[in-house]
């Protein structure tokens, strides 16, 4: 038992720390190669905070443990709102912005509701997974659209139109062209400004890139093995204590993969930057449903349990509505609202353990 706990914790540490190093080293390499900030944001920063969930869910999907995949995503989303935002608001009053509600907030609520609709047949198919992934691509490109085009308009309706009319394909082509042109411009300027020390600088930059590549490779291996062993031990404990793997996914796996965000949020709140956490939480929740579930269900269609349909997913939708309501009250989340979120999370865990163990 002790060795299993040790492997579980080691896997979690490798997963979390490896994800952090993977994103930072990949971002560093991309910048040194002249890749545009947009491409970096699209491919790395956008999914950086969800890499632990993505890696662990993929590992669970490959093991055909649907309950852990779905439990991980739903549990992480609930923990992101109730636990992380709650802690941030208790430490310091969190200021909010209208965009959090009008654009990202409604898209998060839409993602959660769409997931529930897809799950009613107790299965998430590859076709539904593909829809999720296309929605994620559309969402990311929609974030980079000029806000002035949507002044006075309902952001969510514009997003749906943007997705249905495949406008993100045009945006994708244009952004990629801009990224390539930007790279060529930077390259040309560097060649024109090259001086006597250019050869020395080039060797120095290559050395730094090789170092980043080594860190990238090692951290990538750490993420893969960390996810593999963390999920394997989570499945072991689910079987040992004869509890549904969905329950293990919602609690142990979800809280474990949400720990980095919790630590960052607490640190940010102490410095008065708690509002950043709200944007990250909403973006992470959208990514978890559209990207993490999409990729996982594309690998193997996911089976959905009655516990998810009747309790955990509806609770995720309910807590999302509560967050949007709190955002809209005085455009800030106060300490009393943060306490309410924590209380809701404790109630959720009690009801979850009661209903889960009864199955």
Protein backbone atom coordinates (compact mmCIF):
# COMPACT_ATOMS: atom_id res chain seq x y z
CA UNK A 1 0.00 0.00 0.00
CA UNK A 2 2.78 2.43 0.93
CA UNK A 3 4.64 1.72 -2.29
CA UNK A 4 1.45 2.39 -4.29
CA UNK A 5 0.97 5.72 -2.52
CA UNK A 6 4.62 6.60 -3.18
CA UNK A 7 4.23 5.78 -6.90
CA UNK A 8 1.00 7.79 -7.05
CA UNK A 9 2.64 10.87 -5.53
CA UNK A 10 5.77 10.48 -7.66
CA UNK A 11 3.63 10.24 -10.78
CA UNK A 12 1.72 13.39 -9.77
CA UNK A 13 4.96 15.32 -9.15
CA UNK A 14 6.41 14.22 -12.50
CA UNK A 15 3.15 15.13 -14.24
CA UNK A 16 2.80 18.58 -12.70
CA UNK A 17 6.46 19.67 -12.72
CA UNK A 18 7.08 18.11 -16.13
CA UNK A 19 4.12 20.02 -17.60
CA UNK A 20 5.45 23.31 -16.23
CA UNK A 21 8.96 22.76 -17.63
CA UNK A 22 7.59 21.49 -20.94
CA UNK A 23 5.56 24.65 -21.57
CA UNK A 24 8.33 27.05 -20.49
CA UNK A 25 11.07 25.34 -22.55
CA UNK A 26 8.83 24.97 -25.63
CA UNK A 27 7.89 28.65 -25.39
CA UNK A 28 11.56 29.61 -25.08
CA UNK A 29 12.53 27.58 -28.16
CA UNK A 30 9.67 29.06 -30.18
CA UNK A 31 10.72 32.62 -29.33
CA UNK A 32 14.36 31.95 -30.22
CA UNK A 33 13.26 30.54 -33.58
CA UNK A 34 11.28 33.72 -34.31
CA UNK A 35 7.82 32.16 -34.01
CA UNK A 36 5.16 34.84 -33.57
CA UNK A 37 3.59 35.50 -30.17
CA UNK A 38 0.22 34.52 -31.63
CA UNK A 39 1.37 31.02 -32.57
CA UNK A 40 3.03 30.57 -29.16
CA UNK A 41 -0.14 31.67 -27.41
CA UNK A 42 -2.27 29.45 -29.61
CA UNK A 43 -0.28 26.25 -29.18
CA UNK A 44 1.41 26.56 -25.79
CA UNK A 45 -0.03 29.16 -23.45
CA UNK A 46 -3.62 28.35 -24.41
CA UNK A 47 -3.32 24.72 -23.28
CA UNK A 48 -0.46 25.11 -20.79
CA UNK A 49 -2.60 25.04 -17.64
CA UNK A 50 -4.55 22.03 -18.95
CA UNK A 51 -1.56 19.83 -19.83
CA UNK A 52 -1.82 17.80 -16.57
CA UNK A 53 -5.51 17.12 -17.27
CA UNK A 54 -4.78 16.38 -20.93
CA UNK A 55 -1.90 13.99 -20.19
CA UNK A 56 -3.70 12.12 -17.40
CA UNK A 57 -6.93 11.90 -19.44
CA UNK A 58 -5.05 10.56 -22.47
CA UNK A 59 -3.36 7.97 -20.28
CA UNK A 60 -6.74 6.97 -18.86
CA UNK A 61 -8.29 6.88 -22.34
CA UNK A 62 -5.53 4.57 -23.59
CA UNK A 63 -6.34 2.33 -20.61
CA UNK A 64 -10.01 2.64 -21.64
CA UNK A 65 -10.89 4.05 -18.20
CA UNK A 66 -13.68 6.38 -19.31
CA UNK A 67 -14.75 7.12 -15.75
CA UNK A 68 -11.38 8.62 -14.85
CA UNK A 69 -11.30 10.75 -18.03
CA UNK A 70 -14.76 12.23 -17.46
CA UNK A 71 -14.33 12.42 -13.70
CA UNK A 72 -11.01 14.23 -14.16
CA UNK A 73 -12.50 16.87 -16.48
CA UNK A 74 -15.71 17.43 -14.53
CA UNK A 75 -13.96 17.34 -11.15
CA UNK A 76 -11.24 19.74 -12.34
CA UNK A 77 -13.83 22.20 -13.65
CA UNK A 78 -15.75 22.13 -10.36
CA UNK A 79 -12.53 22.49 -8.34
CA UNK A 80 -11.36 25.35 -10.58
CA UNK A 81 -14.49 27.35 -9.77
CA UNK A 82 -15.43 26.34 -6.23
CA UNK A 83 -11.98 25.72 -4.77
CA UNK A 84 -9.60 27.94 -6.73
CA UNK A 85 -11.81 31.01 -7.28
CA UNK A 86 -13.16 30.56 -3.76
CA UNK A 87 -9.67 30.65 -2.24
CA UNK A 88 -8.69 33.66 -4.36
CA UNK A 89 -11.78 35.61 -3.25
CA UNK A 90 -11.21 34.77 0.43
CA UNK A 91 -7.63 36.06 0.26
CA UNK A 92 -8.56 39.24 -1.63
CA UNK A 93 -11.64 40.72 -3.31
CA UNK A 94 -11.39 39.70 -6.98
CA UNK A 95 -12.25 42.33 -9.58
CA UNK A 96 -14.03 41.05 -12.68
CA UNK A 97 -14.60 42.37 -16.19
CA UNK A 98 -17.61 42.31 -18.51
CA UNK A 99 -15.74 40.15 -21.08
CA UNK A 100 -15.45 37.39 -18.47
CA UNK A 101 -19.23 37.14 -18.54
CA UNK A 102 -20.26 38.28 -22.03
CA UNK A 103 -17.78 36.15 -23.97
CA UNK A 104 -15.84 33.48 -22.06
CA UNK A 105 -18.39 32.93 -19.29
CA UNK A 106 -21.26 32.11 -21.64
CA UNK A 107 -19.00 29.92 -23.80
CA UNK A 108 -17.98 27.98 -20.67
CA UNK A 109 -21.65 27.49 -19.76
CA UNK A 110 -22.41 26.45 -23.35
CA UNK A 111 -19.55 23.91 -23.30
CA UNK A 112 -20.81 22.36 -20.05
CA UNK A 113 -24.41 22.18 -21.29
CA UNK A 114 -23.38 20.72 -24.65
CA UNK A 115 -21.38 18.05 -22.84
CA UNK A 116 -24.47 17.09 -20.82
CA UNK A 117 -26.56 16.87 -24.00
CA UNK A 118 -23.94 14.70 -25.71
CA UNK A 119 -23.73 12.47 -22.62
CA UNK A 120 -27.45 11.63 -22.43
CA UNK A 121 -26.93 8.49 -24.50
CA UNK A 122 -24.25 7.45 -21.94
CA UNK A 123 -21.51 7.73 -24.55
CA UNK A 124 -19.24 10.36 -26.05
CA UNK A 125 -18.58 9.34 -29.66
CA UNK A 126 -15.72 10.23 -31.97
CA UNK A 127 -18.04 12.48 -33.99
CA UNK A 128 -19.00 14.41 -30.85
CA UNK A 129 -15.31 14.56 -29.93
CA UNK A 130 -14.55 16.10 -33.32
CA UNK A 131 -17.22 18.76 -32.74
CA UNK A 132 -15.60 19.58 -29.39
CA UNK A 133 -12.17 19.95 -30.99
CA UNK A 134 -13.47 22.19 -33.79
CA UNK A 135 -15.24 24.32 -31.19
CA UNK A 136 -11.94 24.66 -29.31
CA UNK A 137 -10.08 25.76 -32.45
CA UNK A 138 -12.85 28.28 -33.18
CA UNK A 139 -12.76 29.56 -29.58
CA UNK A 140 -8.99 30.13 -29.59
CA UNK A 141 -9.06 32.04 -32.87
CA UNK A 142 -12.14 33.97 -31.74
CA UNK A 143 -10.11 35.25 -28.78
CA UNK A 144 -7.74 37.00 -31.17
CA UNK A 145 -10.47 38.69 -33.20
CA UNK A 146 -10.64 42.49 -33.05
CA UNK A 147 -13.01 43.35 -30.19
CA UNK A 148 -14.22 46.51 -31.90
CA UNK A 149 -16.05 44.38 -34.49
CA UNK A 150 -18.36 43.12 -31.77
CA UNK A 151 -19.09 46.36 -29.90
CA UNK A 152 -22.74 46.47 -28.88
CA UNK A 153 -23.28 42.87 -30.00
CA UNK A 154 -23.94 39.70 -28.02
CA UNK A 155 -20.50 38.03 -27.87
CA UNK A 156 -21.82 34.49 -27.48
CA UNK A 157 -24.14 34.78 -30.51
CA UNK A 158 -21.20 36.12 -32.52
CA UNK A 159 -19.07 33.15 -31.44
CA UNK A 160 -21.72 30.66 -32.56
CA UNK A 161 -21.97 32.46 -35.92
CA UNK A 162 -18.15 32.47 -36.13
CA UNK A 163 -18.12 28.69 -35.60
CA UNK A 164 -21.07 27.74 -37.81
CA UNK A 165 -19.83 29.84 -40.74
CA UNK A 166 -16.27 28.41 -40.42
CA UNK A 167 -14.81 31.91 -40.08
CA UNK A 168 -12.00 30.47 -37.97
CA UNK A 169 -10.58 28.75 -41.07
CA UNK A 170 -10.04 32.15 -42.69
CA UNK A 171 -8.59 33.51 -39.44
CA UNK A 172 -6.28 30.50 -39.18
CA UNK A 173 -4.88 30.98 -42.69
CA UNK A 174 -4.35 34.71 -42.13
CA UNK A 175 -2.67 34.26 -38.75
CA UNK A 176 -0.33 31.58 -40.05
CA UNK A 177 0.65 33.84 -42.96
CA UNK A 178 1.26 36.70 -40.52
CA UNK A 179 3.38 34.41 -38.36
CA UNK A 180 5.50 33.30 -41.34
CA UNK A 181 5.90 36.88 -42.57
CA UNK A 182 6.81 38.01 -39.08
CA UNK A 183 9.43 35.28 -38.85
CA UNK A 184 10.91 36.22 -42.24
CA UNK A 185 11.01 39.90 -41.24
CA UNK A 186 12.84 39.16 -38.01
CA UNK A 187 15.22 36.84 -39.84
CA UNK A 188 15.93 39.49 -42.48
CA UNK A 189 16.59 42.18 -39.88
CA UNK A 190 18.94 39.89 -37.99
CA UNK A 191 20.86 39.15 -41.19
CA UNK A 192 21.11 42.85 -42.08
CA UNK A 193 22.27 43.80 -38.59
CA UNK A 194 24.81 41.00 -38.35
CA UNK A 195 28.22 42.23 -37.30
CA UNK A 196 31.59 40.84 -36.37
CA UNK A 197 30.24 38.96 -33.38
CA UNK A 198 27.44 37.28 -35.34
CA UNK A 199 29.20 33.90 -35.45
CA UNK A 200 29.84 34.01 -31.69
CA UNK A 201 26.22 34.98 -30.99
CA UNK A 202 24.97 32.23 -33.27
CA UNK A 203 26.98 29.58 -31.41
CA UNK A 204 25.77 30.93 -28.07
CA UNK A 205 22.13 30.86 -29.20
CA UNK A 206 22.53 27.31 -30.50
CA UNK A 207 23.92 26.21 -27.12
CA UNK A 208 20.91 27.74 -25.35
CA UNK A 209 18.48 26.09 -27.79
CA UNK A 210 20.14 22.70 -27.26
CA UNK A 211 19.71 23.18 -23.53
CA UNK A 212 16.03 24.03 -24.01
CA UNK A 213 15.61 21.01 -26.30
CA UNK A 214 17.12 18.75 -23.63
CA UNK A 215 14.75 20.18 -20.99
CA UNK A 216 11.84 19.77 -23.44
CA UNK A 217 12.69 16.12 -24.06
CA UNK A 218 13.22 15.28 -20.38
CA UNK A 219 10.07 17.10 -19.26
CA UNK A 220 8.07 15.43 -22.05
CA UNK A 221 9.21 12.02 -20.82
CA UNK A 222 8.35 13.08 -17.25
CA UNK A 223 4.81 14.08 -18.31
CA UNK A 224 4.24 10.78 -20.15
CA UNK A 225 5.51 8.55 -17.33
CA UNK A 226 3.99 10.75 -14.63
CA UNK A 227 0.56 10.53 -16.25
CA UNK A 228 0.91 6.80 -16.85
CA UNK A 229 1.84 5.89 -13.26
CA UNK A 230 -0.50 8.43 -11.65
CA UNK A 231 -3.51 7.09 -13.56
CA UNK A 232 -2.44 3.46 -13.08
CA UNK A 233 -2.33 3.91 -9.30
CA UNK A 234 -5.63 5.81 -9.33
CA UNK A 235 -7.21 2.81 -11.08
CA UNK A 236 -5.52 0.50 -8.53
CA UNK A 237 -7.06 2.36 -5.59
CA UNK A 238 -10.47 2.45 -7.29
CA UNK A 239 -10.39 -1.33 -7.61
CA UNK A 240 -8.90 -1.84 -4.15
CA UNK A 241 -11.61 0.14 -2.36
CA UNK A 242 -14.28 -1.02 -4.83
CA UNK A 243 -15.39 2.49 -5.76
CA UNK A 244 -16.38 3.67 -9.26
CA UNK A 245 -13.46 4.99 -11.28
CA UNK A 246 -15.59 8.09 -11.97
CA UNK A 247 -15.47 8.84 -8.25
CA UNK A 248 -11.68 8.50 -8.20
CA UNK A 249 -11.44 10.75 -11.26
CA UNK A 250 -13.62 13.48 -9.75
CA UNK A 251 -11.72 13.51 -6.45
CA UNK A 252 -8.15 12.21 -6.44
CA UNK A 253 -7.21 12.78 -10.09
CA UNK A 254 -9.10 16.08 -10.51
CA UNK A 255 -7.74 17.70 -7.35
CA UNK A 256 -4.24 16.41 -8.08
CA UNK A 257 -4.13 17.91 -11.57
CA UNK A 258 -5.66 21.19 -10.28
CA UNK A 259 -2.99 21.71 -7.59
CA UNK A 260 -0.66 23.83 -9.81
CA UNK A 261 -3.49 26.24 -10.64
CA UNK A 262 -4.45 26.42 -6.97
CA UNK A 263 -0.91 27.33 -5.89
CA UNK A 264 -0.52 29.93 -8.66
CA UNK A 265 -3.92 31.45 -7.85
CA UNK A 266 -3.17 31.78 -4.15
CA UNK A 267 0.18 33.45 -4.94
CA UNK A 268 -1.50 35.81 -7.44
CA UNK A 269 -4.32 36.70 -5.02
CA UNK A 270 -1.83 37.61 -2.30
CA UNK A 271 -0.20 40.06 -4.71
CA UNK A 272 -3.56 41.54 -5.71
CA UNK A 273 -3.77 39.84 -9.11
CA UNK A 274 -6.68 37.55 -8.30
CA UNK A 275 -8.61 38.79 -11.35
CA UNK A 276 -6.10 36.99 -13.59
CA UNK A 277 -7.14 33.72 -11.97
CA UNK A 278 -10.77 34.14 -13.03
CA UNK A 279 -9.82 34.40 -16.70
CA UNK A 280 -7.47 31.42 -16.38
CA UNK A 281 -10.13 29.32 -14.63
CA UNK A 282 -12.81 30.02 -17.26
CA UNK A 283 -10.35 29.42 -20.10
CA UNK A 284 -9.12 26.21 -18.46
CA UNK A 285 -12.67 24.92 -18.02
CA UNK A 286 -13.44 25.56 -21.70
CA UNK A 287 -10.19 23.82 -22.68
CA UNK A 288 -10.92 20.83 -20.43
CA UNK A 289 -14.26 20.15 -22.13
CA UNK A 290 -13.51 21.05 -25.74
CA UNK A 291 -9.88 19.92 -26.00
CA UNK A 292 -9.24 17.35 -23.25
CA UNK A 293 -12.54 15.49 -23.69
CA UNK A 294 -12.31 15.93 -27.46
CA UNK A 295 -8.84 14.40 -27.76
CA UNK A 296 -9.59 11.63 -25.24
CA UNK A 297 -12.86 10.58 -26.90
CA UNK A 298 -11.18 10.68 -30.30
CA UNK A 299 -8.67 8.08 -29.05
CA UNK A 300 -11.44 5.87 -27.59
CA UNK A 301 -15.15 6.75 -27.38
CA UNK A 302 -15.98 7.41 -23.73
CA UNK A 303 -18.63 5.64 -21.70
CA UNK A 304 -20.61 7.97 -19.39
CA UNK A 305 -21.95 6.74 -16.04
CA UNK A 306 -25.26 7.50 -14.39
CA UNK A 307 -23.36 9.33 -11.63
CA UNK A 308 -22.07 11.81 -14.20
CA UNK A 309 -25.45 12.34 -15.85
CA UNK A 310 -27.47 12.64 -12.65
CA UNK A 311 -25.05 14.48 -10.39
CA UNK A 312 -21.52 15.60 -11.30
CA UNK A 313 -22.15 17.21 -14.71
CA UNK A 314 -25.36 19.01 -13.53
CA UNK A 315 -23.41 20.25 -10.50
CA UNK A 316 -20.67 21.54 -12.82
CA UNK A 317 -23.30 23.48 -14.77
CA UNK A 318 -24.86 24.81 -11.56
CA UNK A 319 -21.53 26.00 -10.11
CA UNK A 320 -20.76 27.66 -13.47
CA UNK A 321 -24.05 29.59 -13.25
CA UNK A 322 -23.20 30.61 -9.67
CA UNK A 323 -19.79 31.91 -10.79
CA UNK A 324 -21.34 33.95 -13.61
CA UNK A 325 -23.89 35.35 -11.17
CA UNK A 326 -21.13 36.36 -8.73
CA UNK A 327 -19.15 37.96 -11.58
CA UNK A 328 -22.19 40.04 -12.50
CA UNK A 329 -22.76 41.31 -8.94
CA UNK A 330 -20.87 44.59 -8.55
CA UNK A 331 -18.31 43.22 -11.08
CA UNK A 332 -16.29 41.65 -8.30
CA UNK A 333 -16.23 38.46 -6.27
CA UNK A 334 -16.25 39.30 -2.59
CA UNK A 335 -14.99 37.26 0.38
CA UNK A 336 -18.49 36.15 1.39
CA UNK A 337 -18.99 34.80 -2.14
CA UNK A 338 -15.63 33.06 -1.95
CA UNK A 339 -16.71 31.39 1.30
CA UNK A 340 -19.98 30.36 -0.37
CA UNK A 341 -18.00 28.69 -3.19
CA UNK A 342 -15.84 26.76 -0.72
CA UNK A 343 -18.95 25.64 1.20
CA UNK A 344 -20.53 24.48 -2.06
CA UNK A 345 -17.39 22.46 -2.83
CA UNK A 346 -17.49 20.76 0.58
CA UNK A 347 -21.20 19.98 0.10
CA UNK A 348 -20.39 18.59 -3.36
CA UNK A 349 -17.72 16.26 -1.95
CA UNK A 350 -20.02 15.02 0.83
CA UNK A 351 -22.87 14.33 -1.60
CA UNK A 352 -20.45 12.78 -4.09
CA UNK A 353 -18.97 10.37 -1.56
CA UNK A 354 -22.44 9.48 -0.27
CA UNK A 355 -23.93 8.84 -3.71
CA UNK A 356 -20.76 7.32 -5.15
CA UNK A 357 -20.30 4.78 -2.40
CA UNK A 358 -23.99 3.85 -2.66
CA UNK A 359 -23.56 2.75 -6.29
